[in-house]
N, C-alpha and C. Protein backbone atom coordinates (compact mmCIF):
# COMPACT_ATOMS: atom_id res chain seq x y z
N MET A 1 0.93 -1.06 -0.56
CA MET A 1 -0.02 -0.41 -0.19
C MET A 1 0.74 1.15 0.00
N ASN A 2 0.71 2.27 -0.65
CA ASN A 2 0.90 3.23 -0.68
C ASN A 2 0.80 4.13 -0.03
N PRO A 3 1.65 5.04 1.00
CA PRO A 3 1.24 5.75 2.19
C PRO A 3 1.48 6.76 1.80
N LEU A 4 1.08 7.34 0.57
CA LEU A 4 0.08 8.77 -0.10
C LEU A 4 -1.32 8.61 0.54
N TYR A 5 -1.26 7.25 0.24
CA TYR A 5 -2.84 7.42 0.14
C TYR A 5 -3.47 6.94 1.32
N LEU A 6 -2.82 6.68 2.52
CA LEU A 6 -3.69 6.57 4.03
C LEU A 6 -3.19 8.05 3.67
N ILE A 7 -2.22 8.77 4.12
CA ILE A 7 -1.98 9.82 4.36
C ILE A 7 -3.32 10.48 4.21
N PHE A 8 -3.03 10.75 2.76
CA PHE A 8 -4.99 11.17 2.36
C PHE A 8 -5.67 11.24 3.21
N SER A 9 -6.10 9.97 3.51
CA SER A 9 -7.19 9.95 3.49
C SER A 9 -7.97 9.98 5.26
N LEU A 10 -6.39 9.82 5.74
CA LEU A 10 -7.09 10.39 7.67
C LEU A 10 -6.69 11.66 7.19
N GLY A 11 -5.63 12.57 6.17
CA GLY A 11 -6.58 13.67 6.36
C GLY A 11 -7.50 14.43 5.59
N GLY A 12 -8.77 13.32 4.77
CA GLY A 12 -10.11 13.73 4.22
C GLY A 12 -10.66 13.04 5.84
N VAL A 13 -10.58 12.27 6.05
CA VAL A 13 -11.37 12.06 7.58
C VAL A 13 -11.12 13.31 8.39
N ALA A 14 -10.18 13.45 8.55
CA ALA A 14 -9.76 15.29 10.20
C ALA A 14 -10.45 16.06 9.39
N MET A 15 -10.83 16.64 8.02
CA MET A 15 -10.71 17.52 7.27
C MET A 15 -12.96 17.28 7.67
N VAL A 16 -13.47 16.73 7.56
CA VAL A 16 -14.78 16.13 7.15
C VAL A 16 -15.08 16.09 8.88
N ALA A 17 -14.30 15.80 9.79
CA ALA A 17 -14.27 16.04 11.34
C ALA A 17 -14.59 16.84 12.09
N ALA A 18 -13.33 17.92 11.36
CA ALA A 18 -13.50 19.27 11.70
C ALA A 18 -14.70 19.93 11.12
N LEU A 19 -15.02 20.15 9.77
CA LEU A 19 -15.64 20.82 9.35
C LEU A 19 -17.26 20.23 10.48
N CYS A 20 -17.77 19.56 10.58
CA CYS A 20 -18.39 18.58 12.05
C CYS A 20 -19.10 19.31 12.91
N ALA A 21 -17.81 19.63 13.36
CA ALA A 21 -17.28 20.04 14.71
C ALA A 21 -17.77 21.88 14.69
N MET A 22 -17.05 22.69 13.12
CA MET A 22 -17.24 23.91 12.78
C MET A 22 -18.52 23.92 12.98
N LEU A 23 -19.39 22.91 12.19
CA LEU A 23 -20.98 23.68 11.55
C LEU A 23 -21.71 23.23 12.52
N PHE A 24 -21.69 21.94 13.88
CA PHE A 24 -23.32 21.48 14.10
C PHE A 24 -21.78 21.70 16.62
N GLY A 25 -20.81 22.02 16.20
CA GLY A 25 -20.27 21.91 17.91
C GLY A 25 -20.23 21.20 18.55
N LEU A 26 -19.04 20.72 19.40
CA LEU A 26 -18.71 20.09 20.13
C LEU A 26 -19.59 19.91 21.11
N GLN A 27 -20.41 20.76 21.73
CA GLN A 27 -21.00 21.07 23.38
C GLN A 27 -21.65 19.54 23.91
N GLY A 28 -22.63 19.21 22.20
CA GLY A 28 -23.74 17.84 21.73
C GLY A 28 -24.83 18.79 22.56
N LEU A 29 -25.69 18.23 23.02
CA LEU A 29 -27.25 18.72 23.65
C LEU A 29 -26.77 19.15 25.69
N GLN A 30 -27.81 19.83 25.95
CA GLN A 30 -28.08 20.91 27.12
C GLN A 30 -29.41 20.45 27.80
N ILE A 31 -29.69 19.96 28.45
CA ILE A 31 -30.79 20.29 29.37
C ILE A 31 -31.23 21.90 29.39
N ALA A 32 -32.10 22.25 28.51
CA ALA A 32 -32.44 23.71 28.59
C ALA A 32 -33.54 24.34 30.18
N THR A 33 -34.53 23.61 30.47
CA THR A 33 -34.85 24.05 31.95
C THR A 33 -35.09 23.21 32.21
N GLU A 34 -35.75 23.91 33.44
CA GLU A 34 -35.87 22.48 34.28
C GLU A 34 -37.73 21.73 33.53
N LYS A 35 -38.21 23.08 32.72
CA LYS A 35 -39.69 22.45 31.78
C LYS A 35 -39.23 21.23 30.96
N THR A 36 -38.00 22.07 30.36
CA THR A 36 -37.26 20.35 28.85
C THR A 36 -37.97 19.23 29.51
N VAL A 37 -37.21 19.40 31.11
CA VAL A 37 -37.13 17.57 31.64
C VAL A 37 -38.07 17.21 31.94
N GLU A 38 -39.62 17.95 32.52
CA GLU A 38 -40.55 17.35 32.72
C GLU A 38 -41.40 17.32 31.36
N ALA A 39 -41.70 17.91 30.67
CA ALA A 39 -41.55 17.22 28.92
C ALA A 39 -41.63 16.10 28.59
N TYR A 40 -40.06 16.06 28.57
CA TYR A 40 -40.01 15.05 28.05
C TYR A 40 -40.18 13.75 28.75
N LEU A 41 -39.84 13.51 29.57
CA LEU A 41 -40.87 12.56 31.52
C LEU A 41 -42.26 12.27 30.43
N THR A 42 -42.67 13.35 30.56
CA THR A 42 -44.14 13.30 30.35
C THR A 42 -44.73 12.92 29.01
N GLN A 43 -43.71 12.86 28.85
CA GLN A 43 -43.76 11.84 26.77
C GLN A 43 -43.34 10.88 27.29
N MET A 44 -41.92 10.35 27.46
CA MET A 44 -41.69 9.30 27.32
C MET A 44 -42.29 8.25 28.48
N LEU A 45 -42.73 8.79 29.38
CA LEU A 45 -43.60 7.57 30.68
C LEU A 45 -45.18 8.22 30.78
N PRO A 46 -45.72 7.29 30.42
CA PRO A 46 -46.63 7.47 31.20
C PRO A 46 -47.28 7.27 31.90
N ALA A 47 -46.90 6.95 33.02
CA ALA A 47 -47.70 8.28 33.86
C ALA A 47 -46.42 8.35 34.86
N PHE A 48 -45.86 9.99 35.04
CA PHE A 48 -45.70 10.39 35.35
C PHE A 48 -45.96 11.56 35.37
N ARG A 49 -45.82 12.55 36.38
CA ARG A 49 -45.95 13.64 37.18
C ARG A 49 -44.78 14.47 38.33
N ALA A 50 -44.54 15.52 37.48
CA ALA A 50 -42.87 15.77 38.38
C ALA A 50 -43.51 16.73 39.81
N ARG A 51 -43.07 15.89 40.97
CA ARG A 51 -42.53 16.25 42.36
C ARG A 51 -41.45 17.59 42.27
N SER A 52 -40.80 17.41 42.29
CA SER A 52 -38.90 18.07 41.88
C SER A 52 -38.48 18.04 41.41
N ILE A 53 -37.41 19.00 40.53
CA ILE A 53 -36.81 18.68 39.49
C ILE A 53 -35.39 19.21 40.06
N VAL A 54 -34.05 18.67 39.76
CA VAL A 54 -32.92 19.85 40.52
C VAL A 54 -32.27 19.35 38.80
N LEU A 55 -31.44 20.40 38.22
CA LEU A 55 -30.44 20.80 37.03
C LEU A 55 -28.90 20.36 38.15
N GLY A 56 -28.60 19.70 37.02
CA GLY A 56 -26.98 20.24 37.33
C GLY A 56 -26.86 21.21 36.91
N ALA A 57 -25.27 22.16 37.45
CA ALA A 57 -24.54 23.08 36.48
C ALA A 57 -24.25 23.51 35.29
N GLY A 58 -23.94 22.30 34.81
CA GLY A 58 -23.45 22.22 32.90
C GLY A 58 -24.80 22.17 32.44
N ARG A 59 -25.34 21.51 33.16
CA ARG A 59 -27.16 21.51 32.65
C ARG A 59 -26.72 20.36 31.53
N LYS A 60 -25.86 19.16 31.82
CA LYS A 60 -25.98 17.73 30.94
C LYS A 60 -26.49 16.55 32.17
N THR A 61 -26.74 16.80 33.11
CA THR A 61 -27.68 15.87 34.32
C THR A 61 -28.58 16.30 34.94
N ALA A 62 -29.71 15.90 35.48
CA ALA A 62 -30.75 16.13 36.45
C ALA A 62 -31.22 14.96 36.89
N LEU A 63 -31.65 15.21 38.58
CA LEU A 63 -32.78 14.18 39.05
C LEU A 63 -34.05 14.67 39.29
N VAL A 64 -34.77 13.73 39.06
CA VAL A 64 -35.91 14.09 38.78
C VAL A 64 -37.12 13.37 39.69
N GLU A 65 -37.81 14.02 40.49
CA GLU A 65 -38.46 13.17 41.44
C GLU A 65 -39.72 13.30 41.26
N ASN A 66 -40.50 11.51 40.69
CA ASN A 66 -42.07 10.99 40.54
C ASN A 66 -43.03 11.45 41.48
N ASP A 67 -43.62 12.47 41.57
CA ASP A 67 -44.99 12.70 42.40
C ASP A 67 -45.56 11.16 42.22
N VAL A 68 -45.53 10.09 41.14
CA VAL A 68 -46.79 8.93 41.20
C VAL A 68 -46.70 7.93 41.44
N ASP A 69 -45.05 7.70 41.51
CA ASP A 69 -44.94 6.31 42.16
C ASP A 69 -43.69 6.44 43.46
N GLY A 70 -43.52 8.07 43.85
CA GLY A 70 -41.96 8.64 44.18
C GLY A 70 -40.70 7.91 44.02
N SER A 71 -40.71 7.51 42.35
CA SER A 71 -38.89 6.82 41.99
C SER A 71 -38.29 8.06 42.14
N ILE A 72 -37.28 8.03 41.60
CA ILE A 72 -36.23 8.92 41.42
C ILE A 72 -35.70 8.80 39.96
N LEU A 73 -35.75 10.05 38.60
CA LEU A 73 -35.17 9.40 37.79
C LEU A 73 -33.86 10.66 37.40
N LEU A 74 -32.81 9.94 36.85
CA LEU A 74 -31.80 10.55 36.45
C LEU A 74 -32.04 11.01 35.27
N VAL A 75 -31.42 12.23 34.57
CA VAL A 75 -31.62 12.25 33.07
C VAL A 75 -30.39 12.92 32.51
N VAL A 76 -29.30 12.59 31.48
CA VAL A 76 -28.91 12.93 31.46
C VAL A 76 -28.33 12.90 29.55
N ALA A 77 -27.79 14.09 29.58
CA ALA A 77 -27.76 14.73 27.68
C ALA A 77 -26.88 14.17 27.33
N HIS A 78 -27.17 12.88 26.17
CA HIS A 78 -25.59 12.36 25.98
C HIS A 78 -25.95 12.57 23.82
N GLY A 79 -24.56 13.05 23.00
CA GLY A 79 -25.06 13.07 21.86
C GLY A 79 -26.23 14.24 21.69
N ASP A 80 -26.76 13.63 20.93
CA ASP A 80 -28.16 14.24 20.88
C ASP A 80 -29.34 13.96 21.66
N ALA A 81 -29.47 12.77 22.39
CA ALA A 81 -30.38 12.99 23.19
C ALA A 81 -30.26 12.31 25.19
N PHE A 82 -30.97 12.55 24.99
CA PHE A 82 -32.19 12.11 26.93
C PHE A 82 -31.20 10.69 27.52
N VAL A 83 -30.82 10.77 28.26
CA VAL A 83 -30.31 9.09 28.46
C VAL A 83 -31.27 9.48 29.93
N THR A 84 -32.00 8.19 30.42
CA THR A 84 -32.88 8.05 31.35
C THR A 84 -32.86 7.05 32.35
N ARG A 85 -32.75 6.90 33.17
CA ARG A 85 -32.55 5.52 34.35
C ARG A 85 -33.82 5.81 35.59
N ARG A 86 -34.02 4.71 35.88
CA ARG A 86 -34.86 5.37 37.27
C ARG A 86 -33.82 4.17 38.36
N LEU A 87 -33.82 5.07 39.23
CA LEU A 87 -33.05 4.44 40.47
C LEU A 87 -33.95 3.84 40.92
N SER A 88 -33.19 2.37 41.43
CA SER A 88 -33.78 1.81 42.09
C SER A 88 -32.25 1.05 42.58
N LYS A 89 -33.03 0.43 43.57
CA LYS A 89 -31.83 -0.82 44.76
C LYS A 89 -31.19 -1.33 43.59
N THR A 90 -31.10 -2.22 42.53
CA THR A 90 -30.83 -3.18 42.62
C THR A 90 -29.76 -1.65 41.33
N LEU A 91 -29.95 -1.20 40.07
CA LEU A 91 -29.41 0.44 40.16
C LEU A 91 -28.39 0.90 40.37
N LEU A 92 -29.06 1.54 41.78
CA LEU A 92 -28.29 2.60 42.36
C LEU A 92 -27.10 2.01 43.40
N ARG A 93 -25.96 2.15 42.68
CA ARG A 93 -24.92 1.63 43.33
C ARG A 93 -24.49 2.52 44.77
N ALA A 94 -23.97 3.58 44.56
CA ALA A 94 -23.47 4.56 45.51
C ALA A 94 -23.52 5.83 45.28
N VAL A 95 -23.68 6.89 46.14
CA VAL A 95 -23.79 8.17 46.51
C VAL A 95 -23.51 9.23 47.12
N VAL A 96 -22.35 9.61 46.61
CA VAL A 96 -21.48 10.39 47.47
C VAL A 96 -21.30 12.14 46.96
N ARG A 97 -21.33 12.81 48.50
CA ARG A 97 -21.68 14.11 48.36
C ARG A 97 -20.30 14.65 48.47
N ASN A 98 -19.78 15.60 48.10
CA ASN A 98 -18.20 16.48 48.35
C ASN A 98 -18.67 18.46 48.30
N GLY A 99 -19.94 18.59 49.51
CA GLY A 99 -20.45 20.10 48.80
C GLY A 99 -21.37 20.07 48.09
N ALA A 100 -21.79 20.79 47.34
CA ALA A 100 -22.59 21.45 46.40
C ALA A 100 -22.21 19.55 44.95
N ASP A 101 -21.44 18.74 45.49
CA ASP A 101 -21.75 18.19 44.47
C ASP A 101 -22.29 16.54 44.40
N LEU A 102 -23.16 16.08 43.41
CA LEU A 102 -23.01 14.81 43.93
C LEU A 102 -22.63 13.75 43.14
N SER A 103 -22.72 12.46 42.95
CA SER A 103 -21.56 11.76 42.64
C SER A 103 -22.50 10.71 42.52
N VAL A 104 -23.13 9.72 41.50
CA VAL A 104 -23.96 9.02 41.13
C VAL A 104 -23.19 7.75 40.97
N ARG A 105 -23.16 6.55 41.33
CA ARG A 105 -22.64 5.28 40.41
C ARG A 105 -23.67 4.49 40.39
N LEU A 106 -23.45 3.95 39.37
CA LEU A 106 -24.37 3.06 38.99
C LEU A 106 -24.21 1.59 38.42
N ALA A 107 -24.93 0.30 38.54
CA ALA A 107 -24.70 -1.13 38.04
C ALA A 107 -25.00 -1.15 36.88
N ASP A 108 -24.60 -0.22 35.64
CA ASP A 108 -24.75 -0.49 34.29
C ASP A 108 -23.15 0.40 33.77
N PHE A 109 -23.44 -0.49 32.93
CA PHE A 109 -21.91 -0.68 32.65
C PHE A 109 -22.18 0.57 30.85
N THR A 110 -23.45 0.91 30.00
CA THR A 110 -23.46 2.49 29.40
C THR A 110 -23.39 3.57 29.99
N LEU A 111 -24.04 3.93 31.53
CA LEU A 111 -23.96 4.40 32.04
C LEU A 111 -23.41 4.20 33.44
N PRO A 112 -22.34 4.27 33.43
CA PRO A 112 -21.50 3.79 35.04
C PRO A 112 -21.88 4.88 36.20
N ARG A 113 -22.00 5.84 36.11
CA ARG A 113 -21.49 7.27 36.87
C ARG A 113 -22.31 8.72 36.07
N ALA A 114 -22.53 8.85 37.00
CA ALA A 114 -23.08 10.91 36.64
C ALA A 114 -22.74 11.80 37.97
N LYS A 115 -22.62 12.86 37.38
CA LYS A 115 -21.82 13.85 38.22
C LYS A 115 -22.72 15.31 37.91
N LEU A 116 -23.21 15.51 39.34
CA LEU A 116 -24.08 16.52 39.45
C LEU A 116 -23.41 17.42 39.97
N THR A 117 -23.27 18.78 39.43
CA THR A 117 -22.76 20.17 40.05
C THR A 117 -23.83 20.96 40.78
N LEU A 118 -24.37 21.04 42.09
CA LEU A 118 -25.80 21.51 42.15
C LEU A 118 -25.54 23.27 42.52
N GLY A 119 -24.57 23.45 42.86
CA GLY A 119 -24.43 24.93 43.71
C GLY A 119 -24.71 25.41 44.82
N ASP A 120 -25.31 24.57 45.21
CA ASP A 120 -25.89 24.59 46.89
C ASP A 120 -26.03 23.87 47.55
N PRO A 121 -25.03 23.76 49.17
CA PRO A 121 -24.24 22.54 49.42
C PRO A 121 -26.32 21.79 50.13
N ALA A 122 -26.91 22.76 50.67
CA ALA A 122 -27.97 22.21 51.29
C ALA A 122 -29.05 21.27 50.43
N ILE A 123 -29.08 21.38 48.92
CA ILE A 123 -30.19 21.52 47.98
C ILE A 123 -29.44 19.57 48.25
N ALA A 124 -27.71 19.81 47.60
CA ALA A 124 -26.80 18.63 47.30
C ALA A 124 -27.51 17.70 48.51
N THR A 125 -27.46 18.35 49.90
CA THR A 125 -27.77 17.22 50.89
C THR A 125 -29.01 16.81 51.09
N LEU A 126 -30.07 17.74 50.40
CA LEU A 126 -31.73 17.02 50.53
C LEU A 126 -31.72 15.93 49.32
N TRP A 127 -31.20 16.08 47.86
CA TRP A 127 -30.70 15.02 47.88
C TRP A 127 -30.34 13.58 47.58
N GLU A 128 -29.50 14.22 48.56
CA GLU A 128 -28.28 12.83 48.73
C GLU A 128 -29.53 12.05 49.29
N ALA A 129 -30.20 12.20 50.46
CA ALA A 129 -31.50 12.01 51.97
C ALA A 129 -32.25 11.44 50.95
N LYS A 130 -32.78 12.06 49.47
CA LYS A 130 -33.55 11.18 48.89
C LYS A 130 -33.18 9.81 48.65
N LEU A 131 -32.30 10.20 47.89
CA LEU A 131 -31.38 9.01 47.00
C LEU A 131 -30.70 8.22 48.21
N ALA A 132 -30.83 8.47 49.30
CA ALA A 132 -30.20 7.18 51.09
C ALA A 132 -31.81 5.76 50.67
N GLY A 133 -32.93 6.67 50.86
CA GLY A 133 -34.28 5.90 50.53
C GLY A 133 -33.50 4.99 49.42
N VAL A 134 -33.37 4.78 48.07
CA VAL A 134 -33.64 4.59 47.07
C VAL A 134 -31.95 3.07 47.70
N THR A 135 -31.14 3.52 48.32
CA THR A 135 -29.81 2.26 48.05
C THR A 135 -30.23 1.98 48.90
N PRO A 136 -29.56 0.37 49.29
CA PRO A 136 -29.73 -0.44 49.75
C PRO A 136 -29.57 -0.26 51.20
């Protein structure tokens, strides 16, 4: 194989990737507001009514408490879609609070952990207590 073919092929792929980054950006989807999360979950889940919602500071993660059954859902903006997990005793492995940050570790290889920066240690403590009711 001629090394020039390899060099030009890699250069072409790099140019296409750079063009996509310029046109569409590198940030990906973000959660605009709490209403965005509520509308998404209302559309996806037949029995959903939000009791409380908290967004992470980076607008990539949210925790939502369902008023219908008391369950807590984790919503993560990933790529161009939202990934949702209902946090159950079998799925939720650990919750660690460090000031206003909550780190959630899951028993899910596709979404092993999520971090929420909540901005206020009191809010982080409140959600840590809510999640403590879920963990075994």
